[in-house]
N, C-alpha and C. Protein backbone atom coordinates (compact mmCIF):
# COMPACT_ATOMS: atom_id res chain seq x y z
N MET A 1 1.17 -1.21 -0.33
CA MET A 1 0.04 -0.30 0.16
C MET A 1 1.01 1.10 0.15
N THR A 2 0.25 1.84 -0.53
CA THR A 2 1.18 3.74 -0.45
C THR A 2 0.61 4.94 0.49
N ARG A 3 1.62 4.70 1.79
CA ARG A 3 1.31 6.01 3.12
C ARG A 3 1.18 7.29 2.21
N VAL A 4 -0.09 7.89 2.26
CA VAL A 4 -0.27 9.12 1.73
C VAL A 4 -1.29 10.11 3.40
N GLU A 5 -0.52 11.26 3.70
CA GLU A 5 -1.26 11.84 4.42
C GLU A 5 -2.41 12.63 4.26
N PHE A 6 -3.81 13.06 5.02
CA PHE A 6 -4.90 12.91 3.96
C PHE A 6 -4.98 14.36 5.24
N ARG A 7 -4.93 15.47 4.93
CA ARG A 7 -5.80 16.01 6.23
C ARG A 7 -7.40 16.63 5.65
N GLN A 8 -7.99 16.89 7.72
CA GLN A 8 -8.87 17.04 7.24
C GLN A 8 -9.60 18.42 7.33
N GLU A 9 -10.29 19.01 6.16
CA GLU A 9 -10.52 20.18 6.75
C GLU A 9 -11.59 20.22 6.91
N HIS A 10 -11.92 21.48 7.64
CA HIS A 10 -13.47 21.97 8.25
C HIS A 10 -13.94 22.79 7.44
N ARG A 11 -13.14 23.76 6.95
CA ARG A 11 -13.96 24.72 6.11
C ARG A 11 -13.29 24.50 4.54
N LEU A 12 -14.57 25.09 3.79
CA LEU A 12 -13.57 24.93 2.12
C LEU A 12 -12.19 25.87 1.87
N ASP A 13 -13.43 27.20 2.39
CA ASP A 13 -12.23 28.28 1.78
C ASP A 13 -11.41 28.52 2.87
N SER A 14 -10.44 28.51 3.17
CA SER A 14 -9.76 29.14 4.49
C SER A 14 -8.94 31.17 4.02
N SER A 15 -9.04 31.30 5.21
CA SER A 15 -9.40 33.01 5.04
C SER A 15 -7.33 33.04 4.93
N ASP A 16 -6.82 32.32 5.80
CA ASP A 16 -5.24 32.10 6.21
C ASP A 16 -4.39 31.95 5.03
N GLU A 17 -5.30 31.16 4.47
CA GLU A 17 -4.65 30.24 2.91
C GLU A 17 -3.95 30.93 1.91
N THR A 18 -2.72 31.60 1.63
CA THR A 18 -2.57 32.50 0.79
C THR A 18 -2.56 32.26 -0.86
N ALA A 19 -2.25 32.72 -1.45
CA ALA A 19 -3.22 32.83 -3.19
C ALA A 19 -1.82 31.46 -3.79
N GLN A 20 -0.64 31.50 -3.30
CA GLN A 20 0.00 30.78 -4.22
C GLN A 20 0.35 29.05 -2.89
N GLN A 21 -0.28 29.14 -1.45
CA GLN A 21 -0.67 28.02 -1.22
C GLN A 21 -1.74 27.84 -1.51
N ARG A 22 -2.85 28.01 -2.26
CA ARG A 22 -3.91 27.90 -2.28
C ARG A 22 -3.83 26.99 -3.78
N LYS A 23 -3.29 28.29 -4.89
CA LYS A 23 -2.74 27.39 -6.38
C LYS A 23 -1.90 25.78 -5.90
N ALA A 24 -1.07 25.73 -5.01
CA ALA A 24 -0.11 24.78 -4.85
C ALA A 24 -1.38 23.09 -4.27
N ARG A 25 -2.30 24.20 -3.72
CA ARG A 25 -2.90 23.04 -2.88
C ARG A 25 -3.74 22.38 -4.24
N LEU A 26 -4.72 23.25 -5.17
CA LEU A 26 -5.05 22.91 -6.20
C LEU A 26 -4.93 22.36 -7.26
N ALA A 27 -3.33 22.30 -7.46
CA ALA A 27 -2.54 22.05 -8.00
C ALA A 27 -2.30 20.13 -7.82
N ALA A 28 -2.38 19.75 -6.41
CA ALA A 28 -1.86 18.87 -5.87
C ALA A 28 -3.23 18.21 -5.18
N GLU A 29 -4.45 18.78 -5.24
CA GLU A 29 -6.19 18.05 -5.91
C GLU A 29 -6.25 17.85 -7.20
N ALA A 30 -5.76 18.38 -7.72
CA ALA A 30 -5.95 18.01 -9.18
C ALA A 30 -4.83 16.78 -9.78
N SER A 31 -3.93 16.85 -9.72
CA SER A 31 -2.90 15.90 -9.59
C SER A 31 -3.92 14.23 -8.90
N MET A 32 -4.28 14.49 -7.28
CA MET A 32 -4.71 13.13 -6.98
C MET A 32 -6.42 12.94 -8.07
N LEU A 33 -6.57 13.71 -8.46
CA LEU A 33 -7.98 13.38 -9.03
C LEU A 33 -7.36 12.67 -9.99
N ALA A 34 -6.81 13.39 -11.32
CA ALA A 34 -6.27 12.47 -12.00
C ALA A 34 -5.72 11.41 -12.36
N VAL A 35 -4.86 11.31 -10.78
CA VAL A 35 -4.95 9.97 -10.69
C VAL A 35 -6.12 8.93 -10.16
N ALA A 36 -6.67 9.05 -9.82
CA ALA A 36 -7.95 8.91 -9.51
C ALA A 36 -9.12 8.21 -10.73
N LYS A 37 -9.04 8.77 -11.56
CA LYS A 37 -10.07 9.05 -12.73
C LYS A 37 -8.71 8.10 -13.86
N ALA A 38 -8.08 7.88 -13.56
CA ALA A 38 -6.86 7.07 -14.20
C ALA A 38 -6.66 5.79 -13.74
N ASP A 39 -7.05 4.96 -12.73
CA ASP A 39 -7.37 4.64 -11.87
C ASP A 39 -8.88 3.92 -12.18
N ILE A 40 -9.94 4.73 -12.36
CA ILE A 40 -11.14 4.10 -12.27
C ILE A 40 -11.18 3.96 -14.22
N ALA A 41 -10.66 4.57 -15.14
CA ALA A 41 -10.43 4.00 -16.43
C ALA A 41 -9.94 2.95 -16.68
N ASP A 42 -8.98 2.17 -15.93
CA ASP A 42 -8.36 1.09 -15.66
C ASP A 42 -9.06 0.05 -15.03
N GLY A 43 -10.13 0.29 -14.42
CA GLY A 43 -10.90 -0.44 -14.26
C GLY A 43 -10.65 -0.82 -12.51
N ARG A 44 -10.27 -0.59 -11.76
CA ARG A 44 -9.54 -0.24 -10.49
C ARG A 44 -11.15 -0.51 -9.82
N TYR A 45 -11.21 -1.08 -8.88
CA TYR A 45 -12.30 -1.52 -7.85
C TYR A 45 -11.97 -1.75 -6.45
N ILE A 46 -12.85 -1.14 -5.64
CA ILE A 46 -12.57 -1.26 -4.32
C ILE A 46 -13.67 -1.70 -3.94
N ALA A 47 -13.77 -2.85 -3.19
CA ALA A 47 -14.74 -3.22 -2.35
C ALA A 47 -15.32 -2.08 -1.57
N ASP A 48 -16.79 -2.17 -1.30
CA ASP A 48 -18.13 -0.88 -0.87
C ASP A 48 -17.09 -1.45 0.67
N GLY A 49 -17.01 -2.13 1.64
CA GLY A 49 -16.15 -2.51 2.67
C GLY A 49 -15.30 -1.92 3.01
N ASP A 50 -13.92 -2.38 2.37
CA ASP A 50 -13.23 -1.52 2.44
C ASP A 50 -13.33 0.11 2.55
N VAL A 51 -14.16 0.36 1.38
CA VAL A 51 -14.03 1.73 1.44
C VAL A 51 -14.66 2.51 2.48
N ASP A 52 -15.61 1.59 3.21
CA ASP A 52 -16.40 1.81 4.29
C ASP A 52 -15.54 2.14 5.62
N ALA A 53 -14.57 0.70 6.02
CA ALA A 53 -13.32 0.99 6.94
C ALA A 53 -12.83 2.49 7.04
N TRP A 54 -12.09 2.17 5.51
CA TRP A 54 -11.25 3.42 5.07
C TRP A 54 -11.58 4.67 5.11
N LEU A 55 -12.88 5.26 5.43
CA LEU A 55 -13.48 6.19 5.60
C LEU A 55 -13.40 6.41 7.27
N ASP A 56 -14.32 5.66 7.75
CA ASP A 56 -14.06 5.19 9.03
C ASP A 56 -13.05 5.89 9.94
N ALA A 57 -11.74 5.09 9.00
CA ALA A 57 -10.22 5.22 10.36
C ALA A 57 -10.19 6.53 9.72
N TRP A 58 -10.09 7.78 8.28
CA TRP A 58 -9.93 8.79 8.51
C TRP A 58 -10.88 9.59 8.94
N VAL A 59 -12.17 9.18 9.71
CA VAL A 59 -13.25 10.49 9.86
C VAL A 59 -12.22 10.72 11.55
N ASN A 60 -11.85 8.90 11.88
CA ASN A 60 -11.65 8.56 13.74
C ASN A 60 -10.22 9.70 13.55
N GLY A 61 -9.05 10.64 12.48
CA GLY A 61 -8.38 10.65 13.02
C GLY A 61 -6.85 9.26 12.38
N GLU A 62 -7.34 8.19 12.39
CA GLU A 62 -6.36 7.40 12.60
C GLU A 62 -5.42 6.98 11.35
N PRO A 63 -4.13 6.93 10.74
CA PRO A 63 -3.64 7.12 9.58
C PRO A 63 -4.22 5.99 8.57
N VAL A 64 -4.30 6.62 7.76
CA VAL A 64 -4.69 5.82 6.42
C VAL A 64 -3.71 5.78 4.86
N GLU A 65 -3.92 4.86 4.75
CA GLU A 65 -3.36 4.17 3.50
C GLU A 65 -4.12 3.88 2.02
N ILE A 66 -3.84 4.39 0.95
CA ILE A 66 -4.25 4.25 -0.17
C ILE A 66 -4.93 2.62 -0.27
N PRO A 67 -6.36 2.45 -0.07
CA PRO A 67 -6.35 0.93 -0.54
C PRO A 67 -6.54 0.46 -1.43
N GLU A 68 -5.97 -1.15 -1.38
CA GLU A 68 -5.13 -1.63 -3.21
C GLU A 68 -6.55 -2.24 -3.54
N ALA A 69 -6.89 -2.65 -4.87
CA ALA A 69 -7.76 -2.68 -5.49
C ALA A 69 -8.00 -4.13 -4.86
N SER A 70 -8.92 -4.06 -4.81
CA SER A 70 -9.72 -5.56 -4.76
C SER A 70 -9.09 -6.93 -5.32
N ALA A 71 -9.32 -7.96 -4.50
CA ALA A 71 -8.09 -8.91 -5.92
C ALA A 71 -9.60 -9.73 -7.00
N HIS A 72 -10.95 -8.95 -6.21
CA HIS A 72 -11.92 -9.43 -7.38
C HIS A 72 -12.16 -7.83 -8.19
N SER A 73 -11.20 -7.59 -8.18
CA SER A 73 -11.54 -6.04 -9.49
C SER A 73 -11.80 -6.36 -11.34
N ARG A 74 -12.75 -5.67 -11.28
CA ARG A 74 -13.10 -5.40 -12.70
C ARG A 74 -11.81 -5.26 -13.38
N LYS A 75 -12.11 -5.90 -14.33
CA LYS A 75 -11.03 -5.45 -15.41
C LYS A 75 -11.41 -5.44 -16.45
N ARG A 76 -11.24 -4.18 -17.52
CA ARG A 76 -11.82 -4.12 -18.62
C ARG A 76 -10.54 -5.01 -19.70
C-alpha cells in the first residue's frame, strides 16, 4: 500500500491561505483526481466494505493508506 497523509479540512475556503498556497493545494488536488480517474478508467475496483472501513478510520483521525484494488477487481 502507498502511505499518504490526508488532512481533514473543516472549511472549504480558508481565509489564512495565501494565493500561492491555494494554487499549490489546487494543483495537488488536481493531480490526485487525475490519478483516481486513470485508476477508474483502468478498471480499478475497491470493495464497498473496504471503502467504508477506510472512511471510518479517516474520520476517526487514524492514519490511512490508499487501499489496494480488491482481489476481484473488474478489469476491462
